[in-house]
C-alpha atoms as a PDB file:
ATOM      1  CA  MET A   1      -2.723 -13.215  -2.765  1.00  0.00           C
ATOM      2  CA  SER A   2      -0.847 -14.993  -5.476  1.00  0.00           C
ATOM      3  CA  ALA A   3       2.915 -14.689  -5.588  1.00  0.00           C
ATOM      4  CA  ILE A   4       4.263 -12.236  -8.121  1.00  0.00           C
ATOM      5  CA  ALA A   5       3.889 -14.035 -11.422  1.00  0.00           C
ATOM      6  CA  THR A   6       4.183 -13.418 -15.144  1.00  0.00           C
ATOM      7  CA  LEU A   7       1.494 -11.105 -16.567  1.00  0.00           C
ATOM      8  CA  ILE A   8       0.025 -12.184 -19.891  1.00  0.00           C
ATOM      9  CA  ALA A   9      -2.135  -9.799 -21.885  1.00  0.00           C
ATOM     10  CA  PHE A  10      -3.234  -9.335 -25.478  1.00  0.00           C
ATOM     11  CA  ASP A  11      -2.670  -6.014 -27.216  1.00  0.00           C
ATOM     12  CA  GLY A  12      -5.275  -4.131 -29.238  1.00  0.00           C
ATOM     13  CA  ALA A  13      -3.828  -4.931 -32.667  1.00  0.00           C
ATOM     14  CA  ALA A  14      -6.043  -6.063 -35.546  1.00  0.00           C
ATOM     15  CA  ILE A  15      -4.521  -9.512 -35.046  1.00  0.00           C
ATOM     16  CA  PRO A  16      -3.973  -9.579 -31.255  1.00  0.00           C
ATOM     17  CA  VAL A  17      -0.526 -10.503 -29.995  1.00  0.00           C
ATOM     18  CA  SER A  18       0.045 -11.967 -26.541  1.00  0.00           C
ATOM     19  CA  HIS A  19       2.587 -10.119 -24.387  1.00  0.00           C
ATOM     20  CA  SER A  20       4.254 -11.847 -21.423  1.00  0.00           C
ATOM     21  CA  LEU A  21       5.666  -9.534 -18.775  1.00  0.00           C
ATOM     22  CA  LEU A  22       8.044 -11.197 -16.342  1.00  0.00           C
ATOM     23  CA  ALA A  23       8.323 -10.190 -12.700  1.00  0.00           C
ATOM     24  CA  VAL A  24      11.337  -7.917 -12.257  1.00  0.00           C
ATOM     25  CA  ALA A  25      11.196  -6.717  -8.652  1.00  0.00           C
ATOM     26  CA  VAL A  26       9.129  -6.123  -5.533  1.00  0.00           C
ATOM     27  CA  SER A  27      10.241  -3.408  -3.144  1.00  0.00           C
ATOM     28  CA  LYS A  28       8.971  -1.904   0.110  1.00  0.00           C
ATOM     29  CA  ASP A  29       9.795   1.572   1.380  1.00  0.00           C
ATOM     30  CA  LYS A  30       8.024   2.694   4.593  1.00  0.00           C
ATOM     31  CA  ASP A  31       4.340   2.794   3.592  1.00  0.00           C
ATOM     32  CA  THR A  32       4.776   1.967  -0.122  1.00  0.00           C
ATOM     33  CA  ILE A  33       5.006  -1.416  -1.830  1.00  0.00           C
ATOM     34  CA  MET A  34       5.935  -1.525  -5.515  1.00  0.00           C
ATOM     35  CA  ALA A  35       5.972  -4.464  -7.956  1.00  0.00           C
ATOM     36  CA  SER A  36       7.449  -4.265 -11.465  1.00  0.00           C
ATOM     37  CA  TRP A  37       7.149  -6.396 -14.598  1.00  0.00           C
ATOM     38  CA  ARG A  38       8.836  -6.186 -18.023  1.00  0.00           C
ATOM     39  CA  GLU A  39       8.656  -8.027 -21.309  1.00  0.00           C
ATOM     40  CA  ALA A  40      11.739 -10.127 -22.030  1.00  0.00           C
ATOM     41  CA  LEU A  41      12.062 -10.286 -25.796  1.00  0.00           C
ATOM     42  CA  GLY A  42      15.543 -11.328 -26.876  1.00  0.00           C
ATOM     43  CA  THR A  43      15.325  -9.383 -30.145  1.00  0.00           C
ATOM     44  CA  VAL A  44      14.436  -6.000 -28.603  1.00  0.00           C
ATOM     45  CA  PRO A  45      16.640  -3.837 -26.336  1.00  0.00           C
ATOM     46  CA  VAL A  46      15.647  -3.897 -22.648  1.00  0.00           C
ATOM     47  CA  PHE A  47      14.908  -0.135 -22.577  1.00  0.00           C
ATOM     48  CA  SER A  48      12.318  -0.539 -25.334  1.00  0.00           C
ATOM     49  CA  GLN A  49      10.264  -3.354 -23.800  1.00  0.00           C
ATOM     50  CA  VAL A  50       6.718  -3.038 -22.411  1.00  0.00           C
ATOM     51  CA  ARG A  51       6.707  -2.362 -18.652  1.00  0.00           C
ATOM     52  CA  CYS A  52       4.093  -2.516 -15.901  1.00  0.00           C
ATOM     53  CA  GLN A  53       4.260  -1.244 -12.327  1.00  0.00           C
ATOM     54  CA  ALA A  54       1.848  -1.687  -9.423  1.00  0.00           C
ATOM     55  CA  THR A  55       2.031   0.579  -6.370  1.00  0.00           C
ATOM     56  CA  PHE A  56       0.280   0.209  -3.000  1.00  0.00           C
ATOM     57  CA  LYS A  57       0.577   3.137  -0.585  1.00  0.00           C
ATOM     58  CA  GLU A  58      -1.217   4.038   2.618  1.00  0.00           C
ATOM     59  CA  LEU A  59      -1.633   7.824   2.762  1.00  0.00           C
ATOM     60  CA  PRO A  60      -1.373   9.769   6.059  1.00  0.00           C
ATOM     61  CA  SER A  61      -5.191  10.080   6.055  1.00  0.00           C
ATOM     62  CA  GLY A  62      -5.484   6.285   6.186  1.00  0.00           C
ATOM     63  CA  VAL A  63      -6.819   6.091   2.626  1.00  0.00           C
ATOM     64  CA  VAL A  64      -5.112   3.439   0.497  1.00  0.00           C
ATOM     65  CA  ARG A  65      -3.798   4.560  -2.912  1.00  0.00           C
ATOM     66  CA  LEU A  66      -3.424   1.810  -5.522  1.00  0.00           C
ATOM     67  CA  ALA A  67      -1.944   2.470  -8.953  1.00  0.00           C
ATOM     68  CA  LEU A  68      -1.329   0.285 -11.992  1.00  0.00           C
ATOM     69  CA  ARG A  69       0.851   1.836 -14.704  1.00  0.00           C
ATOM     70  CA  THR A  70       1.646   0.375 -18.129  1.00  0.00           C
ATOM     71  CA  GLU A  71       4.316   1.853 -20.409  1.00  0.00           C
ATOM     72  CA  VAL A  72       4.693   0.938 -24.088  1.00  0.00           C
ATOM     73  CA  PRO A  73       7.866   2.349 -25.698  1.00  0.00           C
ATOM     74  CA  VAL A  74       7.720   2.957 -29.471  1.00  0.00           C
ATOM     75  CA  MET A  75      10.958   2.569 -31.407  1.00  0.00           C
ATOM     76  CA  GLU A  76      12.289   4.911 -34.099  1.00  0.00           C
ATOM     77  CA  SER A  77      12.083   3.417 -37.555  1.00  0.00           C
ATOM     78  CA  ILE A  78      15.561   2.609 -38.871  1.00  0.00           C
ATOM     79  CA  SER A  79      15.711   2.455 -42.654  1.00  0.00           C
ATOM     80  CA  GLY A  80      19.242   1.177 -43.166  1.00  0.00           C
ATOM     81  CA  GLN A  81      22.669   2.707 -43.589  1.00  0.00           C
ATOM     82  CA  ASN A  82      23.599   6.239 -44.560  1.00  0.00           C
ATOM     83  CA  ALA A  83      26.096   7.002 -47.362  1.00  0.00           C
ATOM     84  CA  SER A  84      29.023   6.324 -45.012  1.00  0.00           C
ATOM     85  CA  GLY A  85      27.707   2.868 -44.091  1.00  0.00           C
ATOM     86  CA  TYR A  86      26.633   3.902 -40.586  1.00  0.00           C
ATOM     87  CA  THR A  87      23.453   2.372 -39.137  1.00  0.00           C
ATOM     88  CA  ALA A  88      21.981   4.196 -36.157  1.00  0.00           C
ATOM     89  CA  ALA A  89      21.527   2.295 -32.908  1.00  0.00           C
ATOM     90  CA  PRO A  90      17.944   1.505 -31.899  1.00  0.00           C
ATOM     91  CA  GLN A  91      16.280   4.329 -29.998  1.00  0.00           C
ATOM     92  CA  VAL A  92      12.918   4.903 -28.312  1.00  0.00           C
ATOM     93  CA  ALA A  93      10.957   7.654 -30.111  1.00  0.00           C
ATOM     94  CA  PHE A  94       8.330   8.043 -27.385  1.00  0.00           C
ATOM     95  CA  THR A  95       6.490   6.047 -24.725  1.00  0.00           C
ATOM     96  CA  ASP A  96       2.703   5.670 -24.458  1.00  0.00           C
ATOM     97  CA  THR A  97       1.644   5.396 -20.809  1.00  0.00           C
ATOM     98  CA  LEU A  98      -1.638   4.479 -19.148  1.00  0.00           C
ATOM     99  CA  GLU A  99      -2.199   4.646 -15.388  1.00  0.00           C
ATOM    100  CA  THR A 100      -5.225   3.713 -13.329  1.00  0.00           C
ATOM    101  CA  VAL A 101      -5.258   5.056  -9.785  1.00  0.00           C
ATOM    102  CA  ALA A 102      -7.724   4.058  -7.072  1.00  0.00           C
ATOM    103  CA  PHE A 103      -8.299   5.548  -3.622  1.00  0.00           C
ATOM    104  CA  PHE A 104     -10.047   3.315  -1.097  1.00  0.00           C
ATOM    105  CA  SER A 105     -11.165   4.101   2.430  1.00  0.00           C
ATOM    106  CA  LYS A 106     -10.200   1.634   5.136  1.00  0.00           C
ATOM    107  CA  ARG A 107     -13.962   1.181   5.573  1.00  0.00           C
ATOM    108  CA  SER A 108     -14.441  -0.049   1.995  1.00  0.00           C
ATOM    109  CA  THR A 109     -15.183  -3.714   1.493  1.00  0.00           C
ATOM    110  CA  GLN A 110     -13.979  -6.295  -0.988  1.00  0.00           C
ATOM    111  CA  VAL A 111     -17.403  -6.188  -2.646  1.00  0.00           C
ATOM    112  CA  SER A 112     -17.470  -2.371  -2.955  1.00  0.00           C
ATOM    113  CA  ARG A 113     -13.903  -2.279  -4.354  1.00  0.00           C
ATOM    114  CA  ARG A 114     -14.708  -5.052  -6.850  1.00  0.00           C
ATOM    115  CA  LEU A 115     -17.849  -3.210  -7.977  1.00  0.00           C
ATOM    116  CA  ALA A 116     -15.922   0.034  -8.540  1.00  0.00           C
ATOM    117  CA  ARG A 117     -13.072  -1.756 -10.352  1.00  0.00           C
ATOM    118  CA  GLN A 118     -15.355  -3.782 -12.593  1.00  0.00           C
ATOM    119  CA  LEU A 119     -17.432  -0.726 -13.555  1.00  0.00           C
ATOM    120  CA  HIS A 120     -14.224   1.160 -14.360  1.00  0.00           C
ATOM    121  CA  VAL A 121     -12.838  -1.702 -16.474  1.00  0.00           C
ATOM    122  CA  ASN A 122     -16.144  -2.149 -18.325  1.00  0.00           C
ATOM    123  CA  ILE A 123     -16.335   1.588 -19.074  1.00  0.00           C
ATOM    124  CA  LEU A 124     -12.751   1.514 -20.418  1.00  0.00           C
ATOM    125  CA  ASN A 125     -13.606  -1.520 -22.563  1.00  0.00           C
ATOM    126  CA  GLY A 126     -16.871  -0.029 -23.807  1.00  0.00           C
ATOM    127  CA  VAL A 127     -18.776  -2.995 -22.353  1.00  0.00           C
ATOM    128  CA  ALA A 128     -22.530  -2.351 -22.387  1.00  0.00           C
ATOM    129  CA  ILE A 129     -23.653  -5.780 -21.179  1.00  0.00           C
ATOM    130  CA  SER A 130     -22.998  -7.554 -17.919  1.00  0.00           C
ATOM    131  CA  VAL A 131     -19.989  -9.832 -17.784  1.00  0.00           C
ATOM    132  CA  THR A 132     -18.639 -12.138 -15.111  1.00  0.00           C
ATOM    133  CA  PRO A 133     -16.136 -10.142 -13.059  1.00  0.00           C
ATOM    134  CA  ILE A 134     -12.541 -11.274 -13.135  1.00  0.00           C
ATOM    135  CA  LEU A 135     -11.732 -12.355  -9.601  1.00  0.00           C
ATOM    136  CA  ASN A 136      -8.067 -13.284  -9.664  1.00  0.00           C
ATOM    137  CA  GLY A 137      -4.804 -12.040 -11.063  1.00  0.00           C
ATOM    138  CA  PRO A 138      -2.501  -9.256  -9.857  1.00  0.00           C
ATOM    139  CA  ALA A 139      -4.744  -6.259 -10.664  1.00  0.00           C
ATOM    140  CA  PRO A 140      -8.063  -7.695  -9.384  1.00  0.00           C
ATOM    141  CA  GLU A 141      -6.380  -8.941  -6.211  1.00  0.00           C
ATOM    142  CA  MET A 142      -4.622  -5.607  -5.679  1.00  0.00           C
ATOM    143  CA  PHE A 143      -7.773  -3.540  -6.095  1.00  0.00           C
ATOM    144  CA  ASP A 144     -10.348  -5.908  -4.541  1.00  0.00           C
ATOM    145  CA  TYR A 145      -8.350  -7.299  -1.612  1.00  0.00           C
ATOM    146  CA  ASN A 146      -6.031  -4.306  -0.954  1.00  0.00           C
ATOM    147  CA  VAL A 147      -2.964  -6.552  -1.171  1.00  0.00           C
ATOM    148  CA  MET A 148       0.193  -6.610  -3.272  1.00  0.00           C
ATOM    149  CA  PRO A 149       2.227  -9.477  -4.758  1.00  0.00           C
ATOM    150  CA  THR A 150       4.808 -10.842  -2.361  1.00  0.00           C
END
């Protein structure tokens, strides 16, 4: 498994923009491992930056629960000063969140997990033709190999 590294992904804008999410932390608590990433834009407050979190947990039944969560805060639109010259501080209006959760038996194999993950990703992307599966990176390694960044 690769060490926890920067995640780079394009958004879905008409003219795609690349977002780099830096590793923030990796923590372990009993049977749960969690890794976190966050964008580091100097012009945007920390609380309003894109975030990603990966969680690996072994359930009491022995099934492994893997989750990848992405949060995209949306800022309020500030249109300048009021009559008294006051400009409001930046504030998050709402946060759009997407989470993919997988449950894998200890008997599952790398091949069966990769097949399930790739089908899921292709369905989300609306892919109707076969594509070469992505074999490395934090999410593929987490889901296919049942391992977390260290």
